[in-house]
Amino acid sequence: MDDQSPAPQHYLFVVRVWPEKTKTEEIVWRGRIQSATDGQVRYFQGWEGLVKMLAISVGDEETMGE
């Protein structure tokens, strides 16, 4: 019975988000994502930016092609 599949990979991040006003008084969301395992930090703007940074961080850039 050697039908064991490899264990799934797990990722752990610390995500900070905050609103900022633009010069035109619009609110934009900015954020910072940090890998809890290696400390790598990436910054993003907007919720789409968060999704993109998560996909890049886990090596799943193909998801962004949709």
Foldseek 3Di string as FASTA:
>chain_A
DPPDDDDDDDWDKDKDKDWDQDPVRDTKIKIWIATPPPGDIDIAIHPVRVVCVVCVVVVNNVVVVD
